[in-house]
Amino acid sequence: MNLKISFSLVDARVNPLKWVYQLEDAGFQGWEIVGEGLQCVEGEFKERVREVYQTTNLILSLHAPLSDINIASVNERIWAESIRQIKESIENAHEFVEDICVVHPGFLSPLSMHMPDRAFDKAIAGLTELCDFAAQYELRIAVENLTSANMLMGRYPDELIRIVRGVNRDNIGICLDIAHANTTKTLDEFLDINAEADDVSIIHMHASDNYGTDDLHLPVGKGNIDWHKVFTAIEAYRGLFVTEVYSLDAGIESLEYIRSCYK
């Protein structure tokens, strides 16, 4: 099995110090920090992250803050604050992060839904600024496909292709969230995205399961996603494969299922 399997706890209200030192023994190779709540890399917690970085072999990636953040906002002050907070998150965590910072492409507001092109322009401008900032730390930005909720951007391959091409930087690519793509019925299209855009790459992956409607963050193998097809399609992928679930037990269950698929 060539996948480098990482773990992320989607509930940022839980202190990672309760479980992070169990990840290697469980068989995980990485930890994706969610840059908000109790996982926000600042103050005393930053020193604890430093200890994890120095005393384990875990590969760390960063998910930029997402709550109330909208890099596609047409409200200039909201847009600027969203960019500022993501930059701050990168600045605080960059020394521990090997390669990837995941960023959400934003969402449409009651105003911008009437001017979606303007929202796309703002997302592209924001990601361009973030890519240039991340490049200082030799990091790449992975812009994530989102769920089927109507107001979200980046739900479909053509939207993310448009954004990535608009940014036109060497350090940007797609974070394919397999579970999100299952809710939009676009998983096959995302897995074959290079057939439509050979200049746009999947550089990071998120994995959980659901039944094709709600984003449940179930353990891998507990929904209706055809994982055997997924693993066949991503055979050449060499980035991190991050299980995004609600508990370490669910992560271990996911890891065991993934391993069973490769027997």
Protein backbone atom coordinates (compact mmCIF):
# COMPACT_ATOMS: atom_id res chain seq x y z
CA MET A 1 0.00 0.00 0.00
CA ASN A 2 1.55 3.28 -1.14
CA LEU A 3 -0.90 5.63 0.57
CA LYS A 4 0.43 7.84 3.35
CA ILE A 5 -2.56 7.81 5.68
CA SER A 6 -3.06 10.78 7.97
CA PHE A 7 -5.66 11.68 10.58
CA SER A 8 -7.74 14.76 11.26
CA LEU A 9 -10.33 15.27 13.97
CA VAL A 10 -13.09 17.42 12.51
CA ASP A 11 -14.36 18.50 15.94
CA ALA A 12 -12.05 21.37 16.88
CA ARG A 13 -13.63 21.57 20.35
CA VAL A 14 -11.62 18.51 21.44
CA ASN A 15 -8.07 18.95 22.72
CA PRO A 16 -5.75 17.03 20.34
CA LEU A 17 -3.34 16.31 23.20
CA LYS A 18 -5.82 13.65 24.34
CA TRP A 19 -5.08 11.54 21.25
CA VAL A 20 -2.29 12.88 19.06
CA TYR A 21 0.45 10.80 20.69
CA GLN A 22 -1.54 7.65 19.90
CA LEU A 23 -1.53 8.24 16.13
CA GLU A 24 1.78 6.58 15.28
CA ASP A 25 1.05 3.50 17.37
CA ALA A 26 -2.31 3.23 15.61
CA GLY A 27 -0.53 3.22 12.25
CA PHE A 28 -1.09 6.77 11.01
CA GLN A 29 1.71 8.60 9.23
CA GLY A 30 0.38 12.13 9.60
CA TRP A 31 -1.79 14.61 11.43
CA GLU A 32 -3.77 17.39 9.79
CA ILE A 33 -4.28 20.30 12.14
CA VAL A 34 -7.57 22.19 11.83
CA GLY A 35 -6.51 25.77 12.45
CA GLU A 36 -9.34 26.87 14.72
CA GLY A 37 -10.89 26.10 18.10
CA LEU A 38 -8.62 24.06 20.36
CA GLN A 39 -6.42 23.20 17.37
CA CYS A 40 -5.49 26.82 16.68
CA VAL A 41 -1.68 26.92 16.63
CA GLU A 42 -0.90 29.74 19.03
CA GLY A 43 0.27 30.31 22.59
CA GLU A 44 0.79 27.25 24.76
CA PHE A 45 -0.73 24.91 22.18
CA LYS A 46 1.88 25.98 19.65
CA GLU A 47 4.56 24.68 22.01
CA ARG A 48 2.71 21.37 22.28
CA VAL A 49 2.59 21.15 18.48
CA ARG A 50 6.32 21.80 18.44
CA GLU A 51 6.81 18.87 20.81
CA VAL A 52 4.73 16.61 18.54
CA TYR A 53 6.78 17.78 15.56
CA GLN A 54 10.08 17.15 17.34
CA THR A 55 9.27 13.85 19.06
CA THR A 56 7.26 11.94 16.45
CA ASN A 57 7.62 11.07 12.78
CA LEU A 58 4.17 12.37 11.91
CA ILE A 59 3.84 14.39 8.71
CA LEU A 60 1.89 17.53 9.57
CA SER A 61 -0.47 19.34 7.23
CA LEU A 62 -2.70 22.32 7.97
CA HIS A 63 -6.36 22.96 7.30
CA ALA A 64 -6.78 26.72 7.33
CA PRO A 65 -9.58 28.12 9.53
CA LEU A 66 -12.97 27.71 7.89
CA SER A 67 -15.66 28.83 10.34
CA ASP A 68 -17.05 32.24 9.29
CA ILE A 69 -14.23 32.51 6.73
CA ASN A 70 -15.16 33.47 3.16
CA ILE A 71 -12.39 34.22 0.66
CA ALA A 72 -15.07 34.72 -2.01
CA SER A 73 -16.85 37.48 -0.11
CA VAL A 74 -17.79 40.57 -2.09
CA ASN A 75 -17.79 42.49 1.20
CA GLU A 76 -14.25 43.84 1.06
CA ARG A 77 -13.72 43.95 4.83
CA ILE A 78 -14.96 40.38 5.33
CA TRP A 79 -12.77 39.24 2.44
CA ALA A 80 -9.69 41.00 3.84
CA GLU A 81 -10.26 39.59 7.33
CA SER A 82 -10.69 36.08 5.92
CA ILE A 83 -7.38 36.37 4.07
CA ARG A 84 -5.70 37.82 7.17
CA GLN A 85 -6.82 34.96 9.39
CA ILE A 86 -5.67 32.30 6.94
CA LYS A 87 -2.29 34.01 6.58
CA GLU A 88 -2.00 34.17 10.35
CA SER A 89 -2.76 30.46 10.59
CA ILE A 90 -0.06 29.67 8.01
CA GLU A 91 2.44 31.96 9.70
CA ASN A 92 1.86 30.35 13.10
CA ALA A 93 2.08 26.75 11.87
CA HIS A 94 4.42 26.84 8.85
CA GLU A 95 7.52 25.59 10.66
CA PHE A 96 5.74 22.31 11.46
CA VAL A 97 3.92 21.79 8.17
CA GLU A 98 5.73 19.74 5.55
CA ASP A 99 3.88 20.78 2.42
CA ILE A 100 0.13 21.40 2.38
CA CYS A 101 -2.30 24.03 3.62
CA VAL A 102 -5.94 23.28 2.74
CA VAL A 103 -8.22 26.25 2.00
CA HIS A 104 -11.95 26.35 1.30
CA PRO A 105 -12.88 28.29 -1.86
CA GLY A 106 -15.67 30.25 -0.17
CA PHE A 107 -19.41 30.57 -0.50
CA LEU A 108 -22.05 32.76 -2.08
CA SER A 109 -23.87 35.29 0.06
CA PRO A 110 -27.39 36.66 -0.57
CA LEU A 111 -25.64 39.47 -2.44
CA SER A 112 -23.00 37.54 -4.36
CA MET A 113 -25.43 34.88 -5.53
CA HIS A 114 -26.64 37.63 -7.89
CA MET A 115 -23.07 38.25 -9.08
CA PRO A 116 -21.33 34.87 -8.95
CA ASP A 117 -18.57 35.92 -11.35
CA ARG A 118 -17.55 38.60 -8.88
CA ALA A 119 -17.39 35.97 -6.11
CA PHE A 120 -15.19 33.76 -8.29
CA ASP A 121 -12.92 36.75 -8.97
CA LYS A 122 -12.59 37.35 -5.22
CA ALA A 123 -11.81 33.68 -4.56
CA ILE A 124 -9.14 33.75 -7.26
CA ALA A 125 -7.67 37.00 -5.92
CA GLY A 126 -7.64 35.61 -2.38
CA LEU A 127 -6.02 32.34 -3.35
CA THR A 128 -3.43 34.18 -5.45
CA GLU A 129 -2.48 36.24 -2.41
CA LEU A 130 -2.42 33.13 -0.22
CA CYS A 131 -0.27 31.20 -2.68
CA ASP A 132 2.27 34.01 -2.80
CA PHE A 133 2.29 34.15 1.00
CA ALA A 134 2.62 30.36 1.38
CA ALA A 135 5.43 30.29 -1.18
CA GLN A 136 7.61 32.18 1.31
CA TYR A 137 7.46 29.05 3.48
CA GLU A 138 7.70 26.60 0.56
CA LEU A 139 4.13 25.46 1.14
CA ARG A 140 1.41 24.60 -1.36
CA ILE A 141 -2.24 25.61 -1.18
CA ALA A 142 -4.77 22.82 -1.75
CA VAL A 143 -8.20 24.26 -2.53
CA GLU A 144 -10.93 21.86 -1.46
CA ASN A 145 -14.10 20.77 -3.23
CA LEU A 146 -17.11 21.34 -1.00
CA THR A 147 -20.42 19.62 -0.35
CA SER A 148 -23.76 19.85 -2.15
CA ALA A 149 -25.05 22.75 -0.02
CA ASN A 150 -26.35 25.31 -2.53
CA MET A 151 -24.37 28.35 -1.41
CA LEU A 152 -20.97 26.65 -1.40
CA MET A 153 -18.43 27.22 -4.15
CA GLY A 154 -16.09 24.61 -5.57
CA ARG A 155 -18.66 21.83 -5.53
CA TYR A 156 -17.95 20.72 -9.08
CA PRO A 157 -14.74 20.01 -11.01
CA ASP A 158 -15.27 22.81 -13.53
CA GLU A 159 -15.51 25.36 -10.69
CA LEU A 160 -12.23 24.28 -9.12
CA ILE A 161 -10.53 24.08 -12.52
CA ARG A 162 -11.67 27.66 -13.18
CA ILE A 163 -10.30 28.81 -9.81
CA VAL A 164 -6.96 27.00 -10.01
CA ARG A 165 -6.35 28.18 -13.56
CA GLY A 166 -7.31 31.72 -12.55
CA VAL A 167 -4.76 31.71 -9.73
CA ASN A 168 -2.03 30.54 -12.13
CA ARG A 169 0.59 29.73 -9.50
CA ASP A 170 2.89 26.72 -9.28
CA ASN A 171 2.02 26.04 -5.64
CA ILE A 172 -1.73 25.45 -5.96
CA GLY A 173 -3.73 22.31 -6.61
CA ILE A 174 -6.90 20.55 -5.54
CA CYS A 175 -7.67 18.86 -2.25
CA LEU A 176 -10.10 16.14 -3.30
CA ASP A 177 -12.55 15.49 -0.48
CA ILE A 178 -13.95 12.13 -1.53
CA ALA A 179 -16.94 12.34 0.79
CA HIS A 180 -17.86 15.82 -0.43
CA ALA A 181 -17.71 14.61 -4.02
CA ASN A 182 -20.06 11.78 -3.07
CA THR A 183 -22.69 14.32 -1.97
CA THR A 184 -22.47 16.16 -5.30
CA LYS A 185 -22.43 12.94 -7.36
CA THR A 186 -19.15 14.08 -8.97
CA LEU A 187 -16.68 11.58 -7.54
CA ASP A 188 -16.02 9.88 -10.88
CA GLU A 189 -15.44 13.28 -12.52
CA PHE A 190 -13.00 14.36 -9.82
CA LEU A 191 -11.10 11.07 -9.95
CA ASP A 192 -10.69 11.57 -13.70
CA ILE A 193 -10.12 15.33 -13.54
CA ASN A 194 -6.97 15.20 -15.66
CA ALA A 195 -9.05 14.04 -18.60
CA GLU A 196 -10.63 17.49 -18.54
CA ALA A 197 -7.70 19.54 -17.27
CA ASP A 198 -4.23 18.05 -17.49
CA ASP A 199 -2.80 21.24 -15.98
CA VAL A 200 -4.76 20.87 -12.70
CA SER A 201 -3.55 18.32 -10.15
CA ILE A 202 -4.96 16.66 -7.06
CA ILE A 203 -2.24 17.27 -4.48
CA HIS A 204 -4.05 16.29 -1.27
CA MET A 205 -7.00 14.10 -0.26
CA HIS A 206 -9.61 13.95 2.50
CA ALA A 207 -11.52 10.76 3.22
CA SER A 208 -14.64 9.89 5.17
CA ASP A 209 -17.91 8.22 4.23
CA ASN A 210 -21.60 9.06 3.82
CA TYR A 211 -24.69 7.94 1.92
CA GLY A 212 -24.55 10.52 -0.85
CA THR A 213 -26.55 13.32 0.74
CA ASP A 214 -25.26 14.69 4.06
CA ASP A 215 -21.58 15.12 4.91
CA LEU A 216 -21.59 12.72 7.88
CA HIS A 217 -17.84 12.12 8.33
CA LEU A 218 -18.47 8.43 8.91
CA PRO A 219 -15.52 6.03 9.11
CA VAL A 220 -14.26 4.95 5.70
CA GLY A 221 -16.27 1.90 4.62
CA LYS A 222 -19.41 2.75 6.59
CA GLY A 223 -21.33 4.57 3.81
CA ASN A 224 -22.04 3.90 0.14
CA ILE A 225 -18.77 5.07 -1.44
CA ASP A 226 -17.15 2.44 -3.66
CA TRP A 227 -13.71 2.53 -2.06
CA HIS A 228 -12.26 -0.24 -4.18
CA LYS A 229 -12.95 1.92 -7.23
CA VAL A 230 -11.43 4.94 -5.47
CA PHE A 231 -8.24 3.13 -4.54
CA THR A 232 -7.86 1.77 -8.05
CA ALA A 233 -8.28 5.28 -9.49
CA ILE A 234 -5.70 6.85 -7.15
CA GLU A 235 -3.08 4.14 -7.49
CA ALA A 236 -0.47 6.65 -8.66
CA TYR A 237 -1.29 9.24 -5.98
CA ARG A 238 1.57 9.92 -3.57
CA GLY A 239 0.23 12.70 -1.35
CA LEU A 240 -1.36 12.45 2.09
CA PHE A 241 -4.67 10.63 2.42
CA VAL A 242 -6.33 12.27 5.43
CA THR A 243 -9.12 10.47 7.27
CA GLU A 244 -11.47 13.20 8.55
CA VAL A 245 -13.69 11.75 11.27
CA TYR A 246 -15.09 12.51 14.72
CA SER A 247 -12.90 10.28 16.91
CA LEU A 248 -9.62 8.42 16.94
CA ASP A 249 -11.57 5.15 17.14
CA ALA A 250 -13.35 6.08 13.89
CA GLY A 251 -9.97 6.88 12.38
CA ILE A 252 -8.56 3.51 13.39
CA GLU A 253 -11.66 1.80 11.98
CA SER A 254 -11.06 3.69 8.72
CA LEU A 255 -7.40 2.69 8.68
CA GLU A 256 -8.25 -0.97 9.18
CA TYR A 257 -10.79 -0.85 6.37
CA ILE A 258 -8.32 0.82 4.00
CA ARG A 259 -5.73 -1.84 4.75
CA SER A 260 -8.30 -4.58 4.09
CA CYS A 261 -8.91 -3.13 0.63
CA TYR A 262 -5.26 -3.67 -0.25
CA LYS A 263 -5.07 -7.33 0.82
